[in-house]
Each structure stands twice: as C-alpha cells, then as structure tokens.
Amino acid sequence: MKDIFLVLASGSRYRAELLARLGLPFETWSPDIDETARTGETCAATACRLARAKAEAARVRFPGAWIIGSDQVADLDGRALGKPGHREGARSQLRAMRGRTVIFQTALCLLAGGEAREALVPTQVAFRPLADDEIERYLDREPAFDCAGSAKSEGLGISLLERLAGDDPTALVGLPLVALSAMLREAGAQVP
C-alpha cells in the first residue's frame, strides 16, 4: 500500500478521538462552512451536504490528500437540533427530547483517489421521560453544549436514554467508523 496523507476536515475533538482508533496517521483541519440548513432541506440532506462541503473545502487546501468530512444533525420530528452552545439551549433541547425518539443523522464523505464515497448512518435514540431536576443534574455534571442534541452518549448522557438502534455505535458520537473503515479499504488503505 502506498503512503496516504489523511486529513479529517473537522474541528471536533470527538471525531479526532474516534479516527485515532483506526491507527492511521492523520491531520485535522477545521473548514469554515456555513452549517445553516437550506429551506425545505431534510435533516439527513443537511448532514450529507455539510459532510461533502467540509471534505471539498479541505481538498482545496490539501490537494492529493485523502479527505474525511462528517456532519451530524439531530432530527426531532423533522426539526434539526444543532449544538446548543449554552446551558439554556441544552436545557431546552433536553426538555423537547424527553420521552421522545430522536434520529441522529450522521453523514460521512471520503474523497480519495479522485473518487467520492458517501454514507448516511442514522441512529435512533429514545430518551427517557426526564424530570427537570434530572436535566439540571446532568447539565451540572456534563455540560454538553458542543454536542448536537446536548447528550453525550459516550459519557453521562447515556443515563438519559432508554434505548439506541443503529448499525454503528460510533456514528452517534459523530464519525461512523464501520462505514469509514469500509470506504478506506475500498480506496486502497490497509485497515487494519
């Protein structure tokens, strides 16, 4: 296998931690992309468009590199829930999701060898009917203001859930490694 120069087009520390599991050397670069959903665009379509846009922005900066773009949108009955940014936003999101099922739409794009490989990996997440005091205790202990939907399943946020359903547990954290590993192998990388 030839040496590859791999770039993760993301500023997310969570995605970088996940990608490091594959044992491939990589760099990260955070593209400046407008993440606003377009009028009439579904949550899944937004995630796919943004994953591709991030990868394409990085390709301009790193020609010849293999580029990974990923994005996630939490879909509550067709309404996109992004990163709350602050406690009040997180509180509002968690109240809206309690007792409901949210679909976390995680999109992936790999640009390698002149080809684009793309995948959408949804994860259904059923939240418990959370009491207000549970939400406040959670936010006191794990202020997940930088996570779509405000709940970090890889941390204390798992206690807010009743069940998860999906093909790849890493998709919920933000980078679907099962799909990414397959794409990398298709493109010629040795994983593992």
C-alpha atoms as a PDB file:
ATOM      1  CA  MET A   1       0.000   0.000   0.000  1.00  0.00           C
ATOM      2  CA  LYS A   2       1.265   3.453  -0.823  1.00  0.00           C
ATOM      3  CA  ASP A   3       1.532   6.060   1.902  1.00  0.00           C
ATOM      4  CA  ILE A   4      -1.563   8.184   2.204  1.00  0.00           C
ATOM      5  CA  PHE A   5      -1.918  11.656   3.609  1.00  0.00           C
ATOM      6  CA  LEU A   6      -5.204  11.642   5.545  1.00  0.00           C
ATOM      7  CA  VAL A   7      -6.996  14.822   6.636  1.00  0.00           C
ATOM      8  CA  LEU A   8     -10.028  14.976   8.907  1.00  0.00           C
ATOM      9  CA  ALA A   9     -11.991  18.063   7.855  1.00  0.00           C
ATOM     10  CA  SER A  10     -13.367  18.785  11.291  1.00  0.00           C
ATOM     11  CA  GLY A  11     -12.545  20.736  14.409  1.00  0.00           C
ATOM     12  CA  SER A  12     -14.372  18.185  16.567  1.00  0.00           C
ATOM     13  CA  ARG A  13     -12.188  16.585  19.221  1.00  0.00           C
ATOM     14  CA  TYR A  14     -14.730  13.747  19.395  1.00  0.00           C
ATOM     15  CA  ARG A  15     -14.248  12.899  15.717  1.00  0.00           C
ATOM     16  CA  ALA A  16     -10.461  13.111  16.065  1.00  0.00           C
ATOM     17  CA  GLU A  17     -10.563  10.734  19.057  1.00  0.00           C
ATOM     18  CA  LEU A  18     -12.655   8.279  17.054  1.00  0.00           C
ATOM     19  CA  LEU A  19     -10.445   8.440  13.958  1.00  0.00           C
ATOM     20  CA  ALA A  20      -7.362   7.807  16.114  1.00  0.00           C
ATOM     21  CA  ARG A  21      -8.814   4.357  16.914  1.00  0.00           C
ATOM     22  CA  LEU A  22      -8.021   3.219  13.367  1.00  0.00           C
ATOM     23  CA  GLY A  23      -4.296   3.737  13.924  1.00  0.00           C
ATOM     24  CA  LEU A  24      -3.750   5.711  10.724  1.00  0.00           C
ATOM     25  CA  PRO A  25      -1.753   8.942  10.819  1.00  0.00           C
ATOM     26  CA  PHE A  26      -3.897  11.982  10.098  1.00  0.00           C
ATOM     27  CA  GLU A  27      -4.120  15.724  10.455  1.00  0.00           C
ATOM     28  CA  THR A  28      -7.158  17.766  11.344  1.00  0.00           C
ATOM     29  CA  TRP A  29      -8.272  20.965   9.732  1.00  0.00           C
ATOM     30  CA  SER A  30     -11.471  22.821  10.522  1.00  0.00           C
ATOM     31  CA  PRO A  31     -13.145  24.272   7.423  1.00  0.00           C
ATOM     32  CA  ASP A  32     -15.182  27.439   7.747  1.00  0.00           C
ATOM     33  CA  ILE A  33     -18.534  26.190   6.434  1.00  0.00           C
ATOM     34  CA  ASP A  34     -21.951  27.786   6.897  1.00  0.00           C
ATOM     35  CA  GLU A  35     -23.872  24.990   8.624  1.00  0.00           C
ATOM     36  CA  THR A  36     -27.296  26.585   8.198  1.00  0.00           C
ATOM     37  CA  ALA A  37     -29.924  24.228   6.797  1.00  0.00           C
ATOM     38  CA  ARG A  38     -31.438  25.269   3.494  1.00  0.00           C
ATOM     39  CA  THR A  39     -35.140  25.974   3.192  1.00  0.00           C
ATOM     40  CA  GLY A  40     -37.042  22.711   2.777  1.00  0.00           C
ATOM     41  CA  GLU A  41     -33.942  20.575   3.343  1.00  0.00           C
ATOM     42  CA  THR A  42     -34.381  17.464   5.462  1.00  0.00           C
ATOM     43  CA  CYS A  43     -32.073  16.828   8.408  1.00  0.00           C
ATOM     44  CA  ALA A  44     -30.494  13.894   6.546  1.00  0.00           C
ATOM     45  CA  ALA A  45     -29.908  16.014   3.437  1.00  0.00           C
ATOM     46  CA  THR A  46     -28.344  18.776   5.537  1.00  0.00           C
ATOM     47  CA  ALA A  47     -25.933  16.335   7.186  1.00  0.00           C
ATOM     48  CA  CYS A  48     -24.931  14.856   3.804  1.00  0.00           C
ATOM     49  CA  ARG A  49     -24.458  18.246   2.154  1.00  0.00           C
ATOM     50  CA  LEU A  50     -22.328  19.536   5.036  1.00  0.00           C
ATOM     51  CA  ALA A  51     -20.137  16.421   5.213  1.00  0.00           C
ATOM     52  CA  ARG A  52     -19.413  16.790   1.488  1.00  0.00           C
ATOM     53  CA  ALA A  53     -18.862  20.558   1.754  1.00  0.00           C
ATOM     54  CA  LYS A  54     -16.349  20.108   4.570  1.00  0.00           C
ATOM     55  CA  ALA A  55     -14.449  17.487   2.588  1.00  0.00           C
ATOM     56  CA  GLU A  56     -14.422  19.604  -0.571  1.00  0.00           C
ATOM     57  CA  ALA A  57     -13.182  22.667   1.332  1.00  0.00           C
ATOM     58  CA  ALA A  58     -10.304  20.612   2.734  1.00  0.00           C
ATOM     59  CA  ARG A  59      -9.480  19.183  -0.701  1.00  0.00           C
ATOM     60  CA  VAL A  60      -8.754  22.718  -1.930  1.00  0.00           C
ATOM     61  CA  ARG A  61      -6.321  23.260   0.929  1.00  0.00           C
ATOM     62  CA  PHE A  62      -4.787  19.755   0.817  1.00  0.00           C
ATOM     63  CA  PRO A  63      -4.667  18.640  -2.842  1.00  0.00           C
ATOM     64  CA  GLY A  64      -3.735  14.982  -3.191  1.00  0.00           C
ATOM     65  CA  ALA A  65      -4.737  14.123   0.380  1.00  0.00           C
ATOM     66  CA  TRP A  66      -7.477  11.706   1.327  1.00  0.00           C
ATOM     67  CA  ILE A  67     -10.122  13.841   2.992  1.00  0.00           C
ATOM     68  CA  ILE A  68     -12.746  12.798   5.533  1.00  0.00           C
ATOM     69  CA  GLY A  69     -15.761  15.033   6.076  1.00  0.00           C
ATOM     70  CA  SER A  70     -18.517  14.253   8.529  1.00  0.00           C
ATOM     71  CA  ASP A  71     -21.519  16.042   9.956  1.00  0.00           C
ATOM     72  CA  GLN A  72     -24.359  15.178  12.279  1.00  0.00           C
ATOM     73  CA  VAL A  73     -27.844  16.605  12.654  1.00  0.00           C
ATOM     74  CA  ALA A  74     -30.222  15.546  15.415  1.00  0.00           C
ATOM     75  CA  ASP A  75     -33.676  15.127  13.872  1.00  0.00           C
ATOM     76  CA  LEU A  76     -36.651  15.609  16.194  1.00  0.00           C
ATOM     77  CA  ASP A  77     -39.739  15.054  14.052  1.00  0.00           C
ATOM     78  CA  GLY A  78     -38.112  16.807  11.104  1.00  0.00           C
ATOM     79  CA  ARG A  79     -36.742  19.694  13.182  1.00  0.00           C
ATOM     80  CA  ALA A  80     -32.966  19.979  13.314  1.00  0.00           C
ATOM     81  CA  LEU A  81     -31.328  20.252  16.711  1.00  0.00           C
ATOM     82  CA  GLY A  82     -27.777  21.518  16.485  1.00  0.00           C
ATOM     83  CA  LYS A  83     -25.145  22.250  19.098  1.00  0.00           C
ATOM     84  CA  PRO A  84     -26.861  24.257  21.847  1.00  0.00           C
ATOM     85  CA  GLY A  85     -23.839  26.427  22.652  1.00  0.00           C
ATOM     86  CA  HIS A  86     -25.019  27.282  26.173  1.00  0.00           C
ATOM     87  CA  ARG A  87     -26.910  25.874  29.154  1.00  0.00           C
ATOM     88  CA  GLU A  88     -30.319  27.355  28.292  1.00  0.00           C
ATOM     89  CA  GLY A  89     -30.121  25.906  24.771  1.00  0.00           C
ATOM     90  CA  ALA A  90     -29.138  22.485  26.151  1.00  0.00           C
ATOM     91  CA  ARG A  91     -31.940  22.606  28.732  1.00  0.00           C
ATOM     92  CA  SER A  92     -34.462  23.479  26.014  1.00  0.00           C
ATOM     93  CA  GLN A  93     -33.254  20.647  23.747  1.00  0.00           C
ATOM     94  CA  LEU A  94     -33.336  18.047  26.507  1.00  0.00           C
ATOM     95  CA  ARG A  95     -36.842  19.093  27.552  1.00  0.00           C
ATOM     96  CA  ALA A  96     -38.028  18.816  23.938  1.00  0.00           C
ATOM     97  CA  MET A  97     -36.491  15.331  23.559  1.00  0.00           C
ATOM     98  CA  ARG A  98     -37.631  13.780  26.834  1.00  0.00           C
ATOM     99  CA  GLY A  99     -39.856  10.779  26.281  1.00  0.00           C
ATOM    100  CA  ARG A 100     -39.275  11.009  22.511  1.00  0.00           C
ATOM    101  CA  THR A 101     -37.181   9.296  19.862  1.00  0.00           C
ATOM    102  CA  VAL A 102     -34.623  11.413  18.024  1.00  0.00           C
ATOM    103  CA  ILE A 103     -32.806  10.284  14.880  1.00  0.00           C
ATOM    104  CA  PHE A 104     -29.175  11.354  14.814  1.00  0.00           C
ATOM    105  CA  GLN A 105     -28.312  11.616  11.114  1.00  0.00           C
ATOM    106  CA  THR A 106     -24.541  11.176  10.732  1.00  0.00           C
ATOM    107  CA  ALA A 107     -23.143  11.719   7.252  1.00  0.00           C
ATOM    108  CA  LEU A 108     -19.705  10.748   6.021  1.00  0.00           C
ATOM    109  CA  CYS A 109     -17.756  11.698   2.907  1.00  0.00           C
ATOM    110  CA  LEU A 110     -14.345  10.341   1.886  1.00  0.00           C
ATOM    111  CA  LEU A 111     -12.551  11.975  -1.033  1.00  0.00           C
ATOM    112  CA  ALA A 112      -9.742   9.639  -2.116  1.00  0.00           C
ATOM    113  CA  GLY A 113      -8.063   8.852  -5.404  1.00  0.00           C
ATOM    114  CA  GLY A 114     -10.323  11.160  -7.393  1.00  0.00           C
ATOM    115  CA  GLU A 115     -13.480   9.476  -6.091  1.00  0.00           C
ATOM    116  CA  ALA A 116     -16.090  10.456  -3.530  1.00  0.00           C
ATOM    117  CA  ARG A 117     -17.539   7.831  -1.243  1.00  0.00           C
ATOM    118  CA  GLU A 118     -20.514   8.830   0.887  1.00  0.00           C
ATOM    119  CA  ALA A 119     -22.713   7.266   3.533  1.00  0.00           C
ATOM    120  CA  LEU A 120     -25.519   8.278   5.863  1.00  0.00           C
ATOM    121  CA  VAL A 121     -25.670   6.359   9.133  1.00  0.00           C
ATOM    122  CA  PRO A 122     -28.794   7.116  11.203  1.00  0.00           C
ATOM    123  CA  THR A 123     -29.091   6.202  14.867  1.00  0.00           C
ATOM    124  CA  GLN A 124     -32.448   6.149  16.652  1.00  0.00           C
ATOM    125  CA  VAL A 125     -32.150   7.378  20.216  1.00  0.00           C
ATOM    126  CA  ALA A 126     -35.074   7.020  22.635  1.00  0.00           C
ATOM    127  CA  PHE A 127     -34.844   9.433  25.556  1.00  0.00           C
ATOM    128  CA  ARG A 128     -36.345   8.615  28.935  1.00  0.00           C
ATOM    129  CA  PRO A 129     -39.149  10.881  30.195  1.00  0.00           C
ATOM    130  CA  LEU A 130     -36.670  13.117  32.025  1.00  0.00           C
ATOM    131  CA  ALA A 131     -37.654  15.213  35.024  1.00  0.00           C
ATOM    132  CA  ASP A 132     -36.418  18.802  35.152  1.00  0.00           C
ATOM    133  CA  ASP A 133     -34.152  18.039  38.130  1.00  0.00           C
ATOM    134  CA  GLU A 134     -32.516  15.179  36.172  1.00  0.00           C
ATOM    135  CA  ILE A 135     -31.785  17.540  33.303  1.00  0.00           C
ATOM    136  CA  GLU A 136     -30.251  20.100  35.680  1.00  0.00           C
ATOM    137  CA  ARG A 137     -28.081  17.473  37.428  1.00  0.00           C
ATOM    138  CA  TYR A 138     -26.913  16.211  34.058  1.00  0.00           C
ATOM    139  CA  LEU A 139     -26.010  19.709  32.860  1.00  0.00           C
ATOM    140  CA  ASP A 140     -24.187  20.389  36.141  1.00  0.00           C
ATOM    141  CA  ARG A 141     -22.021  17.309  35.643  1.00  0.00           C
ATOM    142  CA  GLU A 142     -21.669  17.184  31.847  1.00  0.00           C
ATOM    143  CA  PRO A 143     -22.351  20.462  30.062  1.00  0.00           C
ATOM    144  CA  ALA A 144     -22.595  19.020  26.547  1.00  0.00           C
ATOM    145  CA  PHE A 145     -23.023  22.389  24.866  1.00  0.00           C
ATOM    146  CA  ASP A 146     -20.856  21.355  21.890  1.00  0.00           C
ATOM    147  CA  CYS A 147     -22.881  18.229  21.011  1.00  0.00           C
ATOM    148  CA  ALA A 148     -25.904  18.076  18.717  1.00  0.00           C
ATOM    149  CA  GLY A 149     -28.858  17.259  20.946  1.00  0.00           C
ATOM    150  CA  SER A 150     -26.951  18.070  24.167  1.00  0.00           C
ATOM    151  CA  ALA A 151     -26.481  14.434  25.243  1.00  0.00           C
ATOM    152  CA  LYS A 152     -23.085  12.718  25.094  1.00  0.00           C
ATOM    153  CA  SER A 153     -23.842   9.003  24.846  1.00  0.00           C
ATOM    154  CA  GLU A 154     -20.159   8.220  25.388  1.00  0.00           C
ATOM    155  CA  GLY A 155     -20.401   9.921  28.794  1.00  0.00           C
ATOM    156  CA  LEU A 156     -23.077  10.559  31.403  1.00  0.00           C
ATOM    157  CA  GLY A 157     -25.603  11.263  28.642  1.00  0.00           C
ATOM    158  CA  ILE A 158     -26.109   7.510  28.297  1.00  0.00           C
ATOM    159  CA  SER A 159     -28.119   7.680  31.544  1.00  0.00           C
ATOM    160  CA  LEU A 160     -30.703   9.880  29.804  1.00  0.00           C
ATOM    161  CA  LEU A 161     -31.595   7.188  27.276  1.00  0.00           C
ATOM    162  CA  GLU A 162     -33.933   4.196  27.141  1.00  0.00           C
ATOM    163  CA  ARG A 163     -32.503   2.564  24.023  1.00  0.00           C
ATOM    164  CA  LEU A 164     -30.395   3.026  20.914  1.00  0.00           C
ATOM    165  CA  ALA A 165     -30.854   1.463  17.497  1.00  0.00           C
ATOM    166  CA  GLY A 166     -28.371   1.741  14.657  1.00  0.00           C
ATOM    167  CA  ASP A 167     -25.700  -0.037  12.653  1.00  0.00           C
ATOM    168  CA  ASP A 168     -22.651   1.696  14.139  1.00  0.00           C
ATOM    169  CA  PRO A 169     -22.288   2.923  17.744  1.00  0.00           C
ATOM    170  CA  THR A 170     -19.548   5.363  16.730  1.00  0.00           C
ATOM    171  CA  ALA A 171     -21.959   7.149  14.381  1.00  0.00           C
ATOM    172  CA  LEU A 172     -23.786   8.573  17.376  1.00  0.00           C
ATOM    173  CA  VAL A 173     -20.533  10.098  18.652  1.00  0.00           C
ATOM    174  CA  GLY A 174     -20.007  11.749  15.247  1.00  0.00           C
ATOM    175  CA  LEU A 175     -17.830   9.605  12.971  1.00  0.00           C
ATOM    176  CA  PRO A 176     -19.155   6.216  11.763  1.00  0.00           C
ATOM    177  CA  LEU A 177     -16.013   4.077  11.882  1.00  0.00           C
ATOM    178  CA  VAL A 178     -17.632   0.941  10.447  1.00  0.00           C
ATOM    179  CA  ALA A 179     -18.587   2.791   7.254  1.00  0.00           C
ATOM    180  CA  LEU A 180     -15.333   4.767   7.201  1.00  0.00           C
ATOM    181  CA  SER A 181     -13.205   1.617   7.547  1.00  0.00           C
ATOM    182  CA  ALA A 182     -15.026   0.056   4.593  1.00  0.00           C
ATOM    183  CA  MET A 183     -14.542   3.202   2.497  1.00  0.00           C
ATOM    184  CA  LEU A 184     -10.843   3.384   3.323  1.00  0.00           C
ATOM    185  CA  ARG A 185     -10.347  -0.278   2.367  1.00  0.00           C
ATOM    186  CA  GLU A 186     -12.231   0.284  -0.921  1.00  0.00           C
ATOM    187  CA  ALA A 187      -9.899   3.180  -1.670  1.00  0.00           C
ATOM    188  CA  GLY A 188      -6.815   1.029  -1.008  1.00  0.00           C
ATOM    189  CA  ALA A 189      -5.899   1.676   2.641  1.00  0.00           C
ATOM    190  CA  GLN A 190      -4.994  -1.196   4.939  1.00  0.00           C
ATOM    191  CA  VAL A 191      -7.475  -1.099   7.801  1.00  0.00           C
ATOM    192  CA  PRO A 192      -6.368  -2.883   9.911  1.00  0.00           C
END
